[in-house]
Amino acid sequence: MAPAKKKSEKEATPKAPKARKAAAPAAAAPRKRAAAKPALPAVAAEERQKLVELEAYFVAEKDGFRGDSKNYWITAEAIVEARLAGKK
């Protein structure tokens, strides 16, 4: 029989486990929501009606009263809704 080979130093020393990267922290604490904007006061139906009537008049006046009153009204409703929502 042939004599057994000696293990080199690299083969003889046990390998140490590789260091693992630090684990990411557990789920971060949930972020707090920004404070909500205060709600605008509700407008009564009668008040809204008056606002739309007045705005429809101004829209018609700007057009020289040459258009359709329904279109003036629809335009006025959109304008009033935008103003009430704070989108001047």
PDB file of N, CA and C in Angstrom:
ATOM      1  N   MET A   1       0.797  -1.162   0.000  1.00  0.00           N
ATOM      2  CA  MET A   1       0.000   0.000   0.000  1.00  0.00           C
ATOM      3  C   MET A   1       0.859   1.253   0.000  1.00  0.00           C
ATOM      4  N   ALA A   2       0.275   2.250  -0.621  1.00  0.00           N
ATOM      5  CA  ALA A   2       1.005   3.493  -0.702  1.00  0.00           C
ATOM      6  C   ALA A   2       0.754   4.315   0.547  1.00  0.00           C
ATOM      7  N   PRO A   3       1.763   5.058   0.986  1.00  0.00           N
ATOM      8  CA  PRO A   3       1.557   5.872   2.181  1.00  0.00           C
ATOM      9  C   PRO A   3       0.495   6.954   1.930  1.00  0.00           C
ATOM     10  N   ALA A   4      -0.300   7.259   2.918  1.00  0.00           N
ATOM     11  CA  ALA A   4      -1.369   8.256   2.804  1.00  0.00           C
ATOM     12  C   ALA A   4      -0.761   9.641   2.680  1.00  0.00           C
ATOM     13  N   LYS A   5      -1.380  10.466   1.842  1.00  0.00           N
ATOM     14  CA  LYS A   5      -0.901  11.827   1.666  1.00  0.00           C
ATOM     15  C   LYS A   5      -1.309  12.661   2.868  1.00  0.00           C
ATOM     16  N   LYS A   6      -0.420  13.537   3.239  1.00  0.00           N
ATOM     17  CA  LYS A   6      -0.756  14.469   4.319  1.00  0.00           C
ATOM     18  C   LYS A   6      -1.637  15.576   3.756  1.00  0.00           C
ATOM     19  N   LYS A   7      -2.603  15.983   4.537  1.00  0.00           N
ATOM     20  CA  LYS A   7      -3.473  17.077   4.124  1.00  0.00           C
ATOM     21  C   LYS A   7      -2.713  18.381   4.238  1.00  0.00           C
ATOM     22  N   SER A   8      -2.891  19.220   3.251  1.00  0.00           N
ATOM     23  CA  SER A   8      -2.251  20.529   3.323  1.00  0.00           C
ATOM     24  C   SER A   8      -2.930  21.354   4.407  1.00  0.00           C
ATOM     25  N   GLU A   9      -2.319  22.449   4.787  1.00  0.00           N
ATOM     26  CA  GLU A   9      -2.872  23.270   5.852  1.00  0.00           C
ATOM     27  C   GLU A   9      -4.251  23.791   5.490  1.00  0.00           C
ATOM     28  N   LYS A  10      -4.436  24.110   4.215  1.00  0.00           N
ATOM     29  CA  LYS A  10      -5.739  24.635   3.796  1.00  0.00           C
ATOM     30  C   LYS A  10      -6.820  23.593   3.979  1.00  0.00           C
ATOM     31  N   GLU A  11      -6.522  22.378   3.657  1.00  0.00           N
ATOM     32  CA  GLU A  11      -7.516  21.315   3.777  1.00  0.00           C
ATOM     33  C   GLU A  11      -7.725  20.923   5.219  1.00  0.00           C
ATOM     34  N   ALA A  12      -6.707  21.018   6.073  1.00  0.00           N
ATOM     35  CA  ALA A  12      -6.777  20.546   7.444  1.00  0.00           C
ATOM     36  C   ALA A  12      -7.578  21.473   8.337  1.00  0.00           C
ATOM     37  N   THR A  13      -7.529  22.799   8.087  1.00  0.00           N
ATOM     38  CA  THR A  13      -8.244  23.718   8.969  1.00  0.00           C
ATOM     39  C   THR A  13      -9.715  23.780   8.579  1.00  0.00           C
ATOM     40  N   PRO A  14     -10.591  23.679   9.552  1.00  0.00           N
ATOM     41  CA  PRO A  14     -12.027  23.754   9.236  1.00  0.00           C
ATOM     42  C   PRO A  14     -12.390  25.171   8.814  1.00  0.00           C
ATOM     43  N   LYS A  15     -13.314  25.254   7.907  1.00  0.00           N
ATOM     44  CA  LYS A  15     -13.750  26.560   7.414  1.00  0.00           C
ATOM     45  C   LYS A  15     -14.730  27.178   8.396  1.00  0.00           C
ATOM     46  N   ALA A  16     -14.514  28.447   8.685  1.00  0.00           N
ATOM     47  CA  ALA A  16     -15.422  29.177   9.561  1.00  0.00           C
ATOM     48  C   ALA A  16     -16.611  29.643   8.727  1.00  0.00           C
ATOM     49  N   PRO A  17     -17.793  29.628   9.322  1.00  0.00           N
ATOM     50  CA  PRO A  17     -18.948  30.098   8.552  1.00  0.00           C
ATOM     51  C   PRO A  17     -18.781  31.576   8.195  1.00  0.00           C
ATOM     52  N   LYS A  18     -19.243  31.933   7.022  1.00  0.00           N
ATOM     53  CA  LYS A  18     -19.141  33.319   6.575  1.00  0.00           C
ATOM     54  C   LYS A  18     -20.100  34.181   7.394  1.00  0.00           C
ATOM     55  N   ALA A  19     -19.673  35.394   7.670  1.00  0.00           N
ATOM     56  CA  ALA A  19     -20.506  36.314   8.438  1.00  0.00           C
ATOM     57  C   ALA A  19     -21.683  36.753   7.573  1.00  0.00           C
ATOM     58  N   ARG A  20     -22.830  36.742   8.142  1.00  0.00           N
ATOM     59  CA  ARG A  20     -24.027  37.170   7.428  1.00  0.00           C
ATOM     60  C   ARG A  20     -24.233  38.656   7.632  1.00  0.00           C
ATOM     61  N   LYS A  21     -24.860  39.260   6.638  1.00  0.00           N
ATOM     62  CA  LYS A  21     -25.195  40.676   6.764  1.00  0.00           C
ATOM     63  C   LYS A  21     -26.241  40.821   7.855  1.00  0.00           C
ATOM     64  N   ALA A  22     -26.203  41.934   8.527  1.00  0.00           N
ATOM     65  CA  ALA A  22     -27.191  42.203   9.576  1.00  0.00           C
ATOM     66  C   ALA A  22     -28.578  42.223   8.947  1.00  0.00           C
ATOM     67  N   ALA A  23     -29.485  41.569   9.601  1.00  0.00           N
ATOM     68  CA  ALA A  23     -30.856  41.522   9.092  1.00  0.00           C
ATOM     69  C   ALA A  23     -31.489  42.905   9.183  1.00  0.00           C
ATOM     70  N   ALA A  24     -32.325  43.197   8.227  1.00  0.00           N
ATOM     71  CA  ALA A  24     -33.030  44.474   8.239  1.00  0.00           C
ATOM     72  C   ALA A  24     -33.955  44.500   9.454  1.00  0.00           C
ATOM     73  N   PRO A  25     -34.128  45.655  10.056  1.00  0.00           N
ATOM     74  CA  PRO A  25     -35.013  45.713  11.223  1.00  0.00           C
ATOM     75  C   PRO A  25     -36.426  45.280  10.828  1.00  0.00           C
ATOM     76  N   ALA A  26     -37.114  44.753  11.784  1.00  0.00           N
ATOM     77  CA  ALA A  26     -38.497  44.327  11.532  1.00  0.00           C
ATOM     78  C   ALA A  26     -39.282  45.503  10.981  1.00  0.00           C
ATOM     79  N   ALA A  27     -40.437  45.247  10.472  1.00  0.00           N
ATOM     80  CA  ALA A  27     -41.245  46.285   9.823  1.00  0.00           C
ATOM     81  C   ALA A  27     -41.207  47.570  10.635  1.00  0.00           C
ATOM     82  N   ALA A  28     -40.910  48.640   9.940  1.00  0.00           N
ATOM     83  CA  ALA A  28     -40.825  49.943  10.604  1.00  0.00           C
ATOM     84  C   ALA A  28     -42.179  50.333  11.173  1.00  0.00           C
ATOM     85  N   ALA A  29     -42.137  51.145  12.173  1.00  0.00           N
ATOM     86  CA  ALA A  29     -43.383  51.601  12.774  1.00  0.00           C
ATOM     87  C   ALA A  29     -44.204  52.342  11.730  1.00  0.00           C
ATOM     88  N   PRO A  30     -45.501  52.133  11.703  1.00  0.00           N
ATOM     89  CA  PRO A  30     -46.325  52.817  10.697  1.00  0.00           C
ATOM     90  C   PRO A  30     -46.235  54.330  10.870  1.00  0.00           C
ATOM     91  N   ARG A  31     -46.211  55.016   9.725  1.00  0.00           N
ATOM     92  CA  ARG A  31     -46.126  56.472   9.764  1.00  0.00           C
ATOM     93  C   ARG A  31     -47.475  57.064  10.133  1.00  0.00           C
ATOM     94  N   LYS A  32     -47.407  58.147  10.834  1.00  0.00           N
ATOM     95  CA  LYS A  32     -48.649  58.822  11.201  1.00  0.00           C
ATOM     96  C   LYS A  32     -49.125  59.642  10.026  1.00  0.00           C
ATOM     97  N   ARG A  33     -50.407  59.684   9.843  1.00  0.00           N
ATOM     98  CA  ARG A  33     -50.990  60.484   8.767  1.00  0.00           C
ATOM     99  C   ARG A  33     -50.946  61.954   9.132  1.00  0.00           C
ATOM    100  N   ALA A  34     -50.818  62.767   8.105  1.00  0.00           N
ATOM    101  CA  ALA A  34     -50.856  64.202   8.332  1.00  0.00           C
ATOM    102  C   ALA A  34     -52.249  64.588   8.796  1.00  0.00           C
ATOM    103  N   ALA A  35     -52.318  65.630   9.537  1.00  0.00           N
ATOM    104  CA  ALA A  35     -53.608  66.093  10.039  1.00  0.00           C
ATOM    105  C   ALA A  35     -54.520  66.437   8.862  1.00  0.00           C
ATOM    106  N   ALA A  36     -55.736  65.962   8.927  1.00  0.00           N
ATOM    107  CA  ALA A  36     -56.702  66.216   7.858  1.00  0.00           C
ATOM    108  C   ALA A  36     -57.103  67.687   7.879  1.00  0.00           C
ATOM    109  N   LYS A  37     -57.406  68.203   6.695  1.00  0.00           N
ATOM    110  CA  LYS A  37     -57.860  69.588   6.604  1.00  0.00           C
ATOM    111  C   LYS A  37     -59.235  69.687   7.246  1.00  0.00           C
ATOM    112  N   PRO A  38     -59.508  70.768   7.922  1.00  0.00           N
ATOM    113  CA  PRO A  38     -60.827  70.900   8.529  1.00  0.00           C
ATOM    114  C   PRO A  38     -61.903  70.954   7.444  1.00  0.00           C
ATOM    115  N   ALA A  39     -62.989  70.281   7.706  1.00  0.00           N
ATOM    116  CA  ALA A  39     -64.083  70.237   6.736  1.00  0.00           C
ATOM    117  C   ALA A  39     -64.730  71.619   6.611  1.00  0.00           C
ATOM    118  N   LEU A  40     -65.089  71.938   5.385  1.00  0.00           N
ATOM    119  CA  LEU A  40     -65.778  73.205   5.157  1.00  0.00           C
ATOM    120  C   LEU A  40     -67.204  73.089   5.670  1.00  0.00           C
ATOM    121  N   PRO A  41     -67.750  74.167   6.150  1.00  0.00           N
ATOM    122  CA  PRO A  41     -69.126  74.079   6.644  1.00  0.00           C
ATOM    123  C   PRO A  41     -70.077  73.730   5.501  1.00  0.00           C
ATOM    124  N   ALA A  42     -71.032  72.915   5.799  1.00  0.00           N
ATOM    125  CA  ALA A  42     -72.006  72.506   4.796  1.00  0.00           C
ATOM    126  C   ALA A  42     -72.885  73.695   4.416  1.00  0.00           C
ATOM    127  N   VAL A  43     -73.257  73.740   3.159  1.00  0.00           N
ATOM    128  CA  VAL A  43     -74.107  74.814   2.669  1.00  0.00           C
ATOM    129  C   VAL A  43     -75.511  74.242   2.484  1.00  0.00           C
ATOM    130  N   ALA A  44     -76.482  74.941   2.982  1.00  0.00           N
ATOM    131  CA  ALA A  44     -77.863  74.499   2.850  1.00  0.00           C
ATOM    132  C   ALA A  44     -78.273  74.512   1.381  1.00  0.00           C
ATOM    133  N   ALA A  45     -79.218  73.681   1.032  1.00  0.00           N
ATOM    134  CA  ALA A  45     -79.677  73.569  -0.359  1.00  0.00           C
ATOM    135  C   ALA A  45     -80.195  74.913  -0.882  1.00  0.00           C
ATOM    136  N   GLU A  46     -80.904  75.645  -0.047  1.00  0.00           N
ATOM    137  CA  GLU A  46     -81.439  76.941  -0.479  1.00  0.00           C
ATOM    138  C   GLU A  46     -80.317  77.933  -0.774  1.00  0.00           C
ATOM    139  N   GLU A  47     -79.303  77.918   0.067  1.00  0.00           N
ATOM    140  CA  GLU A  47     -78.165  78.823  -0.126  1.00  0.00           C
ATOM    141  C   GLU A  47     -77.410  78.456  -1.405  1.00  0.00           C
ATOM    142  N   ARG A  48     -77.233  77.161  -1.617  1.00  0.00           N
ATOM    143  CA  ARG A  48     -76.556  76.711  -2.833  1.00  0.00           C
ATOM    144  C   ARG A  48     -77.344  77.129  -4.065  1.00  0.00           C
ATOM    145  N   GLN A  49     -78.647  77.001  -4.005  1.00  0.00           N
ATOM    146  CA  GLN A  49     -79.517  77.390  -5.115  1.00  0.00           C
ATOM    147  C   GLN A  49     -79.331  78.873  -5.449  1.00  0.00           C
ATOM    148  N   LYS A  50     -79.290  79.699  -4.419  1.00  0.00           N
ATOM    149  CA  LYS A  50     -79.105  81.137  -4.633  1.00  0.00           C
ATOM    150  C   LYS A  50     -77.739  81.439  -5.247  1.00  0.00           C
ATOM    151  N   LEU A  51     -76.711  80.718  -4.784  1.00  0.00           N
ATOM    152  CA  LEU A  51     -75.374  80.919  -5.330  1.00  0.00           C
ATOM    153  C   LEU A  51     -75.319  80.546  -6.814  1.00  0.00           C
ATOM    154  N   VAL A  52     -75.980  79.440  -7.169  1.00  0.00           N
ATOM    155  CA  VAL A  52     -75.988  79.003  -8.572  1.00  0.00           C
ATOM    156  C   VAL A  52     -76.777  79.998  -9.431  1.00  0.00           C
ATOM    157  N   GLU A  53     -77.916  80.472  -8.929  1.00  0.00           N
ATOM    158  CA  GLU A  53     -78.715  81.463  -9.678  1.00  0.00           C
ATOM    159  C   GLU A  53     -77.885  82.708  -9.981  1.00  0.00           C
ATOM    160  N   LEU A  54     -77.215  83.211  -8.967  1.00  0.00           N
ATOM    161  CA  LEU A  54     -76.423  84.420  -9.136  1.00  0.00           C
ATOM    162  C   LEU A  54     -75.262  84.189 -10.102  1.00  0.00           C
ATOM    163  N   GLU A  55     -74.599  83.051  -9.949  1.00  0.00           N
ATOM    164  CA  GLU A  55     -73.472  82.744 -10.833  1.00  0.00           C
ATOM    165  C   GLU A  55     -73.941  82.528 -12.269  1.00  0.00           C
ATOM    166  N   ALA A  56     -75.103  81.888 -12.451  1.00  0.00           N
ATOM    167  CA  ALA A  56     -75.634  81.692 -13.802  1.00  0.00           C
ATOM    168  C   ALA A  56     -75.922  83.039 -14.462  1.00  0.00           C
ATOM    169  N   TYR A  57     -76.411  83.989 -13.679  1.00  0.00           N
ATOM    170  CA  TYR A  57     -76.654  85.325 -14.231  1.00  0.00           C
ATOM    171  C   TYR A  57     -75.353  85.949 -14.715  1.00  0.00           C
ATOM    172  N   PHE A  58     -74.294  85.854 -13.893  1.00  0.00           N
ATOM    173  CA  PHE A  58     -73.013  86.446 -14.280  1.00  0.00           C
ATOM    174  C   PHE A  58     -72.406  85.758 -15.501  1.00  0.00           C
ATOM    175  N   VAL A  59     -72.580  84.448 -15.604  1.00  0.00           N
ATOM    176  CA  VAL A  59     -72.079  83.716 -16.773  1.00  0.00           C
ATOM    177  C   VAL A  59     -72.829  84.170 -18.021  1.00  0.00           C
ATOM    178  N   ALA A  60     -74.156  84.291 -17.895  1.00  0.00           N
ATOM    179  CA  ALA A  60     -74.960  84.736 -19.035  1.00  0.00           C
ATOM    180  C   ALA A  60     -74.612  86.172 -19.423  1.00  0.00           C
ATOM    181  N   GLU A  61     -74.439  87.022 -18.431  1.00  0.00           N
ATOM    182  CA  GLU A  61     -74.093  88.419 -18.703  1.00  0.00           C
ATOM    183  C   GLU A  61     -72.752  88.506 -19.447  1.00  0.00           C
ATOM    184  N   LYS A  62     -71.805  87.704 -19.024  1.00  0.00           N
ATOM    185  CA  LYS A  62     -70.496  87.702 -19.675  1.00  0.00           C
ATOM    186  C   LYS A  62     -70.601  87.264 -21.132  1.00  0.00           C
ATOM    187  N   ASP A  63     -71.590  86.391 -21.417  1.00  0.00           N
ATOM    188  CA  ASP A  63     -71.802  85.883 -22.770  1.00  0.00           C
ATOM    189  C   ASP A  63     -72.721  86.796 -23.583  1.00  0.00           C
ATOM    190  N   GLY A  64     -73.231  87.834 -22.978  1.00  0.00           N
ATOM    191  CA  GLY A  64     -74.130  88.745 -23.673  1.00  0.00           C
ATOM    192  C   GLY A  64     -75.544  88.211 -23.781  1.00  0.00           C
ATOM    193  N   PHE A  65     -75.917  87.278 -22.946  1.00  0.00           N
ATOM    194  CA  PHE A  65     -77.255  86.675 -22.917  1.00  0.00           C
ATOM    195  C   PHE A  65     -77.637  86.069 -24.270  1.00  0.00           C
ATOM    196  N   ARG A  66     -76.654  85.581 -25.018  1.00  0.00           N
ATOM    197  CA  ARG A  66     -76.939  85.019 -26.343  1.00  0.00           C
ATOM    198  C   ARG A  66     -77.048  83.499 -26.346  1.00  0.00           C
ATOM    199  N   GLY A  67     -76.681  82.832 -25.244  1.00  0.00           N
ATOM    200  CA  GLY A  67     -76.640  81.372 -25.225  1.00  0.00           C
ATOM    201  C   GLY A  67     -77.874  80.747 -24.608  1.00  0.00           C
ATOM    202  N   ASP A  68     -77.757  79.468 -24.344  1.00  0.00           N
ATOM    203  CA  ASP A  68     -78.851  78.678 -23.768  1.00  0.00           C
ATOM    204  C   ASP A  68     -78.793  78.766 -22.242  1.00  0.00           C
ATOM    205  N   SER A  69     -79.925  79.005 -21.625  1.00  0.00           N
ATOM    206  CA  SER A  69     -79.964  79.170 -20.170  1.00  0.00           C
ATOM    207  C   SER A  69     -79.546  77.884 -19.444  1.00  0.00           C
ATOM    208  N   LYS A  70     -79.822  76.720 -20.045  1.00  0.00           N
ATOM    209  CA  LYS A  70     -79.412  75.455 -19.415  1.00  0.00           C
ATOM    210  C   LYS A  70     -77.885  75.368 -19.336  1.00  0.00           C
ATOM    211  N   ASN A  71     -77.220  75.801 -20.389  1.00  0.00           N
ATOM    212  CA  ASN A  71     -75.754  75.776 -20.375  1.00  0.00           C
ATOM    213  C   ASN A  71     -75.194  76.746 -19.340  1.00  0.00           C
ATOM    214  N   TYR A  72     -75.849  77.895 -19.196  1.00  0.00           N
ATOM    215  CA  TYR A  72     -75.418  78.845 -18.181  1.00  0.00           C
ATOM    216  C   TYR A  72     -75.561  78.227 -16.787  1.00  0.00           C
ATOM    217  N   TRP A  73     -76.656  77.543 -16.589  1.00  0.00           N
ATOM    218  CA  TRP A  73     -76.935  76.935 -15.295  1.00  0.00           C
ATOM    219  C   TRP A  73     -75.914  75.838 -14.984  1.00  0.00           C
ATOM    220  N   ILE A  74     -75.636  74.988 -15.950  1.00  0.00           N
ATOM    221  CA  ILE A  74     -74.678  73.899 -15.745  1.00  0.00           C
ATOM    222  C   ILE A  74     -73.288  74.454 -15.443  1.00  0.00           C
ATOM    223  N   THR A  75     -72.914  75.483 -16.184  1.00  0.00           N
ATOM    224  CA  THR A  75     -71.616  76.122 -15.944  1.00  0.00           C
ATOM    225  C   THR A  75     -71.574  76.723 -14.550  1.00  0.00           C
ATOM    226  N   ALA A  76     -72.658  77.375 -14.152  1.00  0.00           N
ATOM    227  CA  ALA A  76     -72.726  77.998 -12.829  1.00  0.00           C
ATOM    228  C   ALA A  76     -72.648  76.952 -11.722  1.00  0.00           C
ATOM    229  N   GLU A  77     -73.310  75.819 -11.908  1.00  0.00           N
ATOM    230  CA  GLU A  77     -73.233  74.748 -10.909  1.00  0.00           C
ATOM    231  C   GLU A  77     -71.799  74.270 -10.726  1.00  0.00           C
ATOM    232  N   ALA A  78     -71.080  74.100 -11.833  1.00  0.00           N
ATOM    233  CA  ALA A  78     -69.693  73.650 -11.753  1.00  0.00           C
ATOM    234  C   ALA A  78     -68.827  74.671 -11.023  1.00  0.00           C
ATOM    235  N   ILE A  79     -69.054  75.934 -11.297  1.00  0.00           N
ATOM    236  CA  ILE A  79     -68.282  76.992 -10.646  1.00  0.00           C
ATOM    237  C   ILE A  79     -68.555  77.018  -9.141  1.00  0.00           C
ATOM    238  N   VAL A  80     -69.820  76.932  -8.776  1.00  0.00           N
ATOM    239  CA  VAL A  80     -70.190  76.965  -7.358  1.00  0.00           C
ATOM    240  C   VAL A  80     -69.631  75.741  -6.632  1.00  0.00           C
ATOM    241  N   GLU A  81     -69.738  74.574  -7.233  1.00  0.00           N
ATOM    242  CA  GLU A  81     -69.210  73.365  -6.603  1.00  0.00           C
ATOM    243  C   GLU A  81     -67.703  73.482  -6.374  1.00  0.00           C
ATOM    244  N   ALA A  82     -66.993  74.024  -7.365  1.00  0.00           N
ATOM    245  CA  ALA A  82     -65.546  74.191  -7.222  1.00  0.00           C
ATOM    246  C   ALA A  82     -65.225  75.151  -6.081  1.00  0.00           C
ATOM    247  N   ARG A  83     -65.987  76.218  -5.983  1.00  0.00           N
ATOM    248  CA  ARG A  83     -65.747  77.183  -4.916  1.00  0.00           C
ATOM    249  C   ARG A  83     -66.049  76.589  -3.548  1.00  0.00           C
ATOM    250  N   LEU A  84     -67.127  75.833  -3.464  1.00  0.00           N
ATOM    251  CA  LEU A  84     -67.472  75.223  -2.182  1.00  0.00           C
ATOM    252  C   LEU A  84     -66.461  74.157  -1.770  1.00  0.00           C
ATOM    253  N   ALA A  85     -65.838  73.523  -2.742  1.00  0.00           N
ATOM    254  CA  ALA A  85     -64.828  72.508  -2.440  1.00  0.00           C
ATOM    255  C   ALA A  85     -63.471  73.149  -2.138  1.00  0.00           C
ATOM    256  N   GLY A  86     -63.383  74.463  -2.300  1.00  0.00           N
ATOM    257  CA  GLY A  86     -62.144  75.152  -2.003  1.00  0.00           C
ATOM    258  C   GLY A  86     -61.158  75.197  -3.147  1.00  0.00           C
ATOM    259  N   LYS A  87     -61.632  74.988  -4.375  1.00  0.00           N
ATOM    260  CA  LYS A  87     -60.764  74.969  -5.550  1.00  0.00           C
ATOM    261  C   LYS A  87     -60.884  76.236  -6.358  1.00  0.00           C
ATOM    262  N   LYS A  88     -61.120  77.301  -5.760  1.00  0.00           N
ATOM    263  CA  LYS A  88     -61.343  78.587  -6.428  1.00  0.00           C
ATOM    264  C   LYS A  88     -60.784  78.576  -7.784  1.00  0.00           C
TER     265      LYS A  88
END
